[in-house]
């Protein structure tokens, strides 16, 4: 049985950090965290490094597609600077993001996975 329950869009982004750019990457990530912490539609925004700190995973959770678009609008210039220190090597969106979000994230080679069934507590 497939559920039609509301799901929250969940984004998983992997960055590969350019050699010698860790400090700049982390500084810009802190700026992004600060900007994002003020967004009412962002429910979660967490950064994770591997042991060598040459890869970073960003996990994001939003109330809806509108919150994703508002986030992109809010962080745009700082995100551009972050991409000067790293490249996106994987980008996945889980949940039912709308066509506008799909278009906004297409340039990253984003893969979209539609919600099928399950629960979130």
C-alpha atoms as a PDB file:
ATOM      1  CA  UNK A   1       0.000   0.000   0.000  1.00  0.00           C
ATOM      2  CA  UNK A   2       1.439   3.368  -1.016  1.00  0.00           C
ATOM      3  CA  UNK A   3       1.009   6.259   1.380  1.00  0.00           C
ATOM      4  CA  UNK A   4      -0.116   9.718   0.292  1.00  0.00           C
ATOM      5  CA  UNK A   5       1.097  11.358   3.506  1.00  0.00           C
ATOM      6  CA  UNK A   6       2.869  14.705   3.372  1.00  0.00           C
ATOM      7  CA  UNK A   7       6.631  14.282   3.177  1.00  0.00           C
ATOM      8  CA  UNK A   8       9.326  16.833   3.788  1.00  0.00           C
ATOM      9  CA  UNK A   9      11.909  17.319   1.017  1.00  0.00           C
ATOM     10  CA  UNK A  10      15.294  16.019   2.138  1.00  0.00           C
ATOM     11  CA  UNK A  11      18.468  16.988   0.285  1.00  0.00           C
ATOM     12  CA  UNK A  12      21.841  15.258   0.444  1.00  0.00           C
ATOM     13  CA  UNK A  13      24.789  17.061  -1.128  1.00  0.00           C
ATOM     14  CA  UNK A  14      28.368  15.799  -1.342  1.00  0.00           C
ATOM     15  CA  UNK A  15      31.162  18.321  -1.830  1.00  0.00           C
ATOM     16  CA  UNK A  16      34.727  17.460  -2.790  1.00  0.00           C
ATOM     17  CA  UNK A  17      36.966  20.154  -1.367  1.00  0.00           C
ATOM     18  CA  UNK A  18      39.866  21.466  -3.433  1.00  0.00           C
ATOM     19  CA  UNK A  19      43.337  20.878  -1.920  1.00  0.00           C
ATOM     20  CA  UNK A  20      44.328  23.688   0.422  1.00  0.00           C
ATOM     21  CA  UNK A  21      40.783  25.114   0.541  1.00  0.00           C
ATOM     22  CA  UNK A  22      39.509  23.513   3.790  1.00  0.00           C
ATOM     23  CA  UNK A  23      39.719  26.672   5.890  1.00  0.00           C
ATOM     24  CA  UNK A  24      37.944  28.773   3.250  1.00  0.00           C
ATOM     25  CA  UNK A  25      35.321  26.028   2.774  1.00  0.00           C
ATOM     26  CA  UNK A  26      34.620  25.826   6.519  1.00  0.00           C
ATOM     27  CA  UNK A  27      34.421  29.609   6.863  1.00  0.00           C
ATOM     28  CA  UNK A  28      31.879  29.811   4.046  1.00  0.00           C
ATOM     29  CA  UNK A  29      29.963  26.831   5.469  1.00  0.00           C
ATOM     30  CA  UNK A  30      29.667  28.713   8.780  1.00  0.00           C
ATOM     31  CA  UNK A  31      28.284  31.716   6.891  1.00  0.00           C
ATOM     32  CA  UNK A  32      25.741  29.454   5.192  1.00  0.00           C
ATOM     33  CA  UNK A  33      24.744  27.910   8.526  1.00  0.00           C
ATOM     34  CA  UNK A  34      24.219  31.379   9.992  1.00  0.00           C
ATOM     35  CA  UNK A  35      22.090  32.549   7.047  1.00  0.00           C
ATOM     36  CA  UNK A  36      20.096  29.314   6.975  1.00  0.00           C
ATOM     37  CA  UNK A  37      19.420  29.310  10.731  1.00  0.00           C
ATOM     38  CA  UNK A  38      17.171  32.328  10.193  1.00  0.00           C
ATOM     39  CA  UNK A  39      14.961  30.612   7.584  1.00  0.00           C
ATOM     40  CA  UNK A  40      11.588  29.549   8.941  1.00  0.00           C
ATOM     41  CA  UNK A  41      11.103  26.782   6.348  1.00  0.00           C
ATOM     42  CA  UNK A  42      14.414  25.029   6.987  1.00  0.00           C
ATOM     43  CA  UNK A  43      13.919  22.222   9.491  1.00  0.00           C
ATOM     44  CA  UNK A  44      17.427  20.770   9.417  1.00  0.00           C
ATOM     45  CA  UNK A  45      20.806  21.789   8.003  1.00  0.00           C
ATOM     46  CA  UNK A  46      23.767  19.627   9.026  1.00  0.00           C
ATOM     47  CA  UNK A  47      27.333  19.318   7.694  1.00  0.00           C
ATOM     48  CA  UNK A  48      29.502  16.168   7.978  1.00  0.00           C
ATOM     49  CA  UNK A  49      33.189  15.658   7.070  1.00  0.00           C
ATOM     50  CA  UNK A  50      35.039  12.452   6.294  1.00  0.00           C
ATOM     51  CA  UNK A  51      38.251  11.680   8.231  1.00  0.00           C
ATOM     52  CA  UNK A  52      40.536  13.370   5.672  1.00  0.00           C
ATOM     53  CA  UNK A  53      38.214  16.395   5.477  1.00  0.00           C
ATOM     54  CA  UNK A  54      38.382  16.389   1.686  1.00  0.00           C
ATOM     55  CA  UNK A  55      34.708  15.432   1.388  1.00  0.00           C
ATOM     56  CA  UNK A  56      31.756  17.035   3.103  1.00  0.00           C
ATOM     57  CA  UNK A  57      28.116  15.953   3.136  1.00  0.00           C
ATOM     58  CA  UNK A  58      25.380  18.476   3.711  1.00  0.00           C
ATOM     59  CA  UNK A  59      22.003  17.117   4.820  1.00  0.00           C
ATOM     60  CA  UNK A  60      19.037  19.482   4.535  1.00  0.00           C
ATOM     61  CA  UNK A  61      15.360  19.112   5.506  1.00  0.00           C
ATOM     62  CA  UNK A  62      12.656  21.560   4.405  1.00  0.00           C
ATOM     63  CA  UNK A  63       8.959  22.097   5.103  1.00  0.00           C
ATOM     64  CA  UNK A  64       8.144  22.165   1.380  1.00  0.00           C
ATOM     65  CA  UNK A  65       9.399  23.115  -2.078  1.00  0.00           C
ATOM     66  CA  UNK A  66       8.777  26.800  -1.402  1.00  0.00           C
ATOM     67  CA  UNK A  67      11.204  26.641   1.531  1.00  0.00           C
ATOM     68  CA  UNK A  68      13.898  25.160  -0.732  1.00  0.00           C
ATOM     69  CA  UNK A  69      13.459  27.982  -3.235  1.00  0.00           C
ATOM     70  CA  UNK A  70      13.542  30.589  -0.454  1.00  0.00           C
ATOM     71  CA  UNK A  71      16.749  28.995   0.843  1.00  0.00           C
ATOM     72  CA  UNK A  72      18.421  29.093  -2.568  1.00  0.00           C
ATOM     73  CA  UNK A  73      17.480  32.752  -2.893  1.00  0.00           C
ATOM     74  CA  UNK A  74      18.875  33.504   0.569  1.00  0.00           C
ATOM     75  CA  UNK A  75      22.243  31.764   0.201  1.00  0.00           C
ATOM     76  CA  UNK A  76      22.966  32.294  -3.508  1.00  0.00           C
ATOM     77  CA  UNK A  77      26.039  34.578  -3.373  1.00  0.00           C
ATOM     78  CA  UNK A  78      27.651  32.679  -0.479  1.00  0.00           C
ATOM     79  CA  UNK A  79      26.972  29.346  -2.176  1.00  0.00           C
ATOM     80  CA  UNK A  80      28.719  30.629  -5.299  1.00  0.00           C
ATOM     81  CA  UNK A  81      31.810  31.414  -3.196  1.00  0.00           C
ATOM     82  CA  UNK A  82      31.661  27.939  -1.607  1.00  0.00           C
ATOM     83  CA  UNK A  83      31.680  26.416  -5.087  1.00  0.00           C
ATOM     84  CA  UNK A  84      34.976  28.215  -5.746  1.00  0.00           C
ATOM     85  CA  UNK A  85      36.516  26.049  -2.985  1.00  0.00           C
ATOM     86  CA  UNK A  86      34.805  22.782  -3.858  1.00  0.00           C
ATOM     87  CA  UNK A  87      32.656  20.982  -6.377  1.00  0.00           C
ATOM     88  CA  UNK A  88      29.387  19.138  -5.966  1.00  0.00           C
ATOM     89  CA  UNK A  89      30.129  15.469  -6.601  1.00  0.00           C
ATOM     90  CA  UNK A  90      26.699  14.111  -5.687  1.00  0.00           C
ATOM     91  CA  UNK A  91      23.330  15.744  -5.141  1.00  0.00           C
ATOM     92  CA  UNK A  92      20.170  13.822  -4.286  1.00  0.00           C
ATOM     93  CA  UNK A  93      16.708  15.044  -3.404  1.00  0.00           C
ATOM     94  CA  UNK A  94      14.320  12.727  -1.585  1.00  0.00           C
ATOM     95  CA  UNK A  95      10.627  13.562  -1.391  1.00  0.00           C
ATOM     96  CA  UNK A  96       8.178  15.334  -3.597  1.00  0.00           C
ATOM     97  CA  UNK A  97       9.957  18.475  -4.761  1.00  0.00           C
ATOM     98  CA  UNK A  98       8.054  20.469  -7.357  1.00  0.00           C
ATOM     99  CA  UNK A  99       9.113  21.188 -10.953  1.00  0.00           C
ATOM    100  CA  UNK A 100      10.477  24.616 -10.027  1.00  0.00           C
ATOM    101  CA  UNK A 101      12.891  23.038  -7.519  1.00  0.00           C
ATOM    102  CA  UNK A 102      13.896  20.397 -10.063  1.00  0.00           C
ATOM    103  CA  UNK A 103      14.698  23.146 -12.567  1.00  0.00           C
ATOM    104  CA  UNK A 104      16.620  25.214  -9.992  1.00  0.00           C
ATOM    105  CA  UNK A 105      18.822  22.250  -9.021  1.00  0.00           C
ATOM    106  CA  UNK A 106      19.286  20.663 -12.457  1.00  0.00           C
ATOM    107  CA  UNK A 107      22.685  22.280 -13.089  1.00  0.00           C
ATOM    108  CA  UNK A 108      24.172  20.254 -10.213  1.00  0.00           C
ATOM    109  CA  UNK A 109      23.321  16.943 -11.901  1.00  0.00           C
ATOM    110  CA  UNK A 110      20.768  16.343  -9.164  1.00  0.00           C
ATOM    111  CA  UNK A 111      18.985  13.006  -8.925  1.00  0.00           C
ATOM    112  CA  UNK A 112      15.403  13.095  -7.655  1.00  0.00           C
ATOM    113  CA  UNK A 113      13.722  10.301  -5.733  1.00  0.00           C
ATOM    114  CA  UNK A 114       9.959  10.509  -5.248  1.00  0.00           C
ATOM    115  CA  UNK A 115       8.425   9.443  -1.952  1.00  0.00           C
ATOM    116  CA  UNK A 116       6.897   5.994  -1.980  1.00  0.00           C
ATOM    117  CA  UNK A 117       6.001   4.909   1.567  1.00  0.00           C
ATOM    118  CA  UNK A 118       7.139   4.940   5.172  1.00  0.00           C
ATOM    119  CA  UNK A 119       6.993   7.260   8.148  1.00  0.00           C
ATOM    120  CA  UNK A 120       8.867  10.020   9.951  1.00  0.00           C
ATOM    121  CA  UNK A 121       8.515  10.662  13.672  1.00  0.00           C
END
